[in-house]
Amino acid sequence: MLGTLRVVIDASYAFALMAFVGIVAGFATAAITSDTHRGLQVAVGMFAATGALLTLRLWRTTRGTELPPAGPAV
């Protein structure tokens, strides 16, 4: 139960970070270029790029944490 709650909280943090980066980049692009369509494209692209970066980081972090096989209970 607590493990599931932890995963949900971690996913919420990751989604919030992805949304924040996308929104900031989109607004900055829209302000600089005065093109809201381009700002939306950048926001979606940064959202996806941040998700890919977080996925890569998670994959690299969890790759070496293999547990040894469980032995018989003594």
C-alpha atoms as a PDB file:
ATOM      1  CA  MET A   1       0.000   0.000   0.000  1.00  0.00           C
ATOM      2  CA  LEU A   2       2.697   2.469   0.970  1.00  0.00           C
ATOM      3  CA  GLY A   3       4.787   1.455  -2.040  1.00  0.00           C
ATOM      4  CA  THR A   4       1.897   2.225  -4.359  1.00  0.00           C
ATOM      5  CA  LEU A   5       1.323   5.577  -2.675  1.00  0.00           C
ATOM      6  CA  ARG A   6       5.005   6.431  -3.072  1.00  0.00           C
ATOM      7  CA  VAL A   7       4.891   5.628  -6.808  1.00  0.00           C
ATOM      8  CA  VAL A   8       1.801   7.810  -7.258  1.00  0.00           C
ATOM      9  CA  ILE A   9       3.431  10.717  -5.399  1.00  0.00           C
ATOM     10  CA  ASP A  10       6.663  10.376  -7.394  1.00  0.00           C
ATOM     11  CA  ALA A  11       4.689  10.303 -10.654  1.00  0.00           C
ATOM     12  CA  SER A  12       2.780  13.402  -9.560  1.00  0.00           C
ATOM     13  CA  TYR A  13       6.048  15.239  -8.893  1.00  0.00           C
ATOM     14  CA  ALA A  14       7.407  14.191 -12.283  1.00  0.00           C
ATOM     15  CA  PHE A  15       4.236  15.301 -14.075  1.00  0.00           C
ATOM     16  CA  ALA A  16       4.249  18.639 -12.229  1.00  0.00           C
ATOM     17  CA  LEU A  17       7.892  19.232 -13.175  1.00  0.00           C
ATOM     18  CA  MET A  18       7.204  18.344 -16.813  1.00  0.00           C
ATOM     19  CA  ALA A  19       4.202  20.687 -16.901  1.00  0.00           C
ATOM     20  CA  PHE A  20       6.139  23.512 -15.238  1.00  0.00           C
ATOM     21  CA  VAL A  21       9.039  23.294 -17.697  1.00  0.00           C
ATOM     22  CA  GLY A  22       6.665  23.111 -20.647  1.00  0.00           C
ATOM     23  CA  ILE A  23       4.559  26.052 -19.496  1.00  0.00           C
ATOM     24  CA  VAL A  24       7.545  28.300 -18.746  1.00  0.00           C
ATOM     25  CA  ALA A  25       9.217  27.489 -22.069  1.00  0.00           C
ATOM     26  CA  GLY A  26       5.943  27.997 -23.957  1.00  0.00           C
ATOM     27  CA  PHE A  27       5.222  31.358 -22.368  1.00  0.00           C
ATOM     28  CA  ALA A  28       8.804  32.515 -22.908  1.00  0.00           C
ATOM     29  CA  THR A  29       8.665  31.538 -26.570  1.00  0.00           C
ATOM     30  CA  ALA A  30       5.276  33.188 -27.037  1.00  0.00           C
ATOM     31  CA  ALA A  31       6.547  36.371 -25.397  1.00  0.00           C
ATOM     32  CA  ILE A  32       9.720  36.508 -27.480  1.00  0.00           C
ATOM     33  CA  THR A  33       8.196  35.614 -30.846  1.00  0.00           C
ATOM     34  CA  SER A  34       4.630  36.960 -30.330  1.00  0.00           C
ATOM     35  CA  ASP A  35       3.414  33.696 -31.876  1.00  0.00           C
ATOM     36  CA  THR A  36       1.153  31.683 -29.575  1.00  0.00           C
ATOM     37  CA  HIS A  37       1.042  28.743 -31.971  1.00  0.00           C
ATOM     38  CA  ARG A  38       4.844  28.429 -31.800  1.00  0.00           C
ATOM     39  CA  GLY A  39       4.672  28.817 -28.011  1.00  0.00           C
ATOM     40  CA  LEU A  40       2.266  25.881 -27.803  1.00  0.00           C
ATOM     41  CA  GLN A  41       4.564  23.770 -29.976  1.00  0.00           C
ATOM     42  CA  VAL A  42       7.532  24.568 -27.759  1.00  0.00           C
ATOM     43  CA  ALA A  43       5.509  23.845 -24.605  1.00  0.00           C
ATOM     44  CA  VAL A  44       4.490  20.403 -25.877  1.00  0.00           C
ATOM     45  CA  GLY A  45       8.029  19.695 -27.066  1.00  0.00           C
ATOM     46  CA  MET A  46       9.583  20.661 -23.748  1.00  0.00           C
ATOM     47  CA  PHE A  47       6.988  18.617 -21.869  1.00  0.00           C
ATOM     48  CA  ALA A  48       7.971  15.573 -23.932  1.00  0.00           C
ATOM     49  CA  ALA A  49      11.705  16.298 -23.705  1.00  0.00           C
ATOM     50  CA  THR A  50      11.529  16.637 -19.921  1.00  0.00           C
ATOM     51  CA  GLY A  51       9.619  13.355 -19.719  1.00  0.00           C
ATOM     52  CA  ALA A  52      12.248  11.639 -21.852  1.00  0.00           C
ATOM     53  CA  LEU A  53      15.044  13.052 -19.697  1.00  0.00           C
ATOM     54  CA  LEU A  54      13.347  11.918 -16.476  1.00  0.00           C
ATOM     55  CA  THR A  55      12.716   8.469 -17.961  1.00  0.00           C
ATOM     56  CA  LEU A  56      16.373   8.166 -18.965  1.00  0.00           C
ATOM     57  CA  ARG A  57      17.471   9.258 -15.502  1.00  0.00           C
ATOM     58  CA  LEU A  58      15.165   6.724 -13.851  1.00  0.00           C
ATOM     59  CA  TRP A  59      16.392   3.971 -16.173  1.00  0.00           C
ATOM     60  CA  ARG A  60      20.044   4.735 -15.426  1.00  0.00           C
ATOM     61  CA  THR A  61      19.378   4.918 -11.676  1.00  0.00           C
ATOM     62  CA  THR A  62      17.498   1.624 -11.406  1.00  0.00           C
ATOM     63  CA  ARG A  63      19.660  -0.375 -13.822  1.00  0.00           C
ATOM     64  CA  GLY A  64      22.281  -1.474 -11.287  1.00  0.00           C
ATOM     65  CA  THR A  65      20.005  -2.256  -8.357  1.00  0.00           C
ATOM     66  CA  GLU A  66      19.374  -5.910  -9.120  1.00  0.00           C
ATOM     67  CA  LEU A  67      18.684  -7.940  -6.009  1.00  0.00           C
ATOM     68  CA  PRO A  68      20.341 -11.312  -5.568  1.00  0.00           C
ATOM     69  CA  PRO A  69      18.054 -14.321  -5.892  1.00  0.00           C
ATOM     70  CA  ALA A  70      16.190 -15.172  -2.722  1.00  0.00           C
ATOM     71  CA  GLY A  71      17.403 -18.281  -0.964  1.00  0.00           C
ATOM     72  CA  PRO A  72      15.346 -20.740   1.010  1.00  0.00           C
ATOM     73  CA  ALA A  73      14.072 -19.508   4.365  1.00  0.00           C
ATOM     74  CA  VAL A  74      16.045 -20.932   7.229  1.00  0.00           C
END
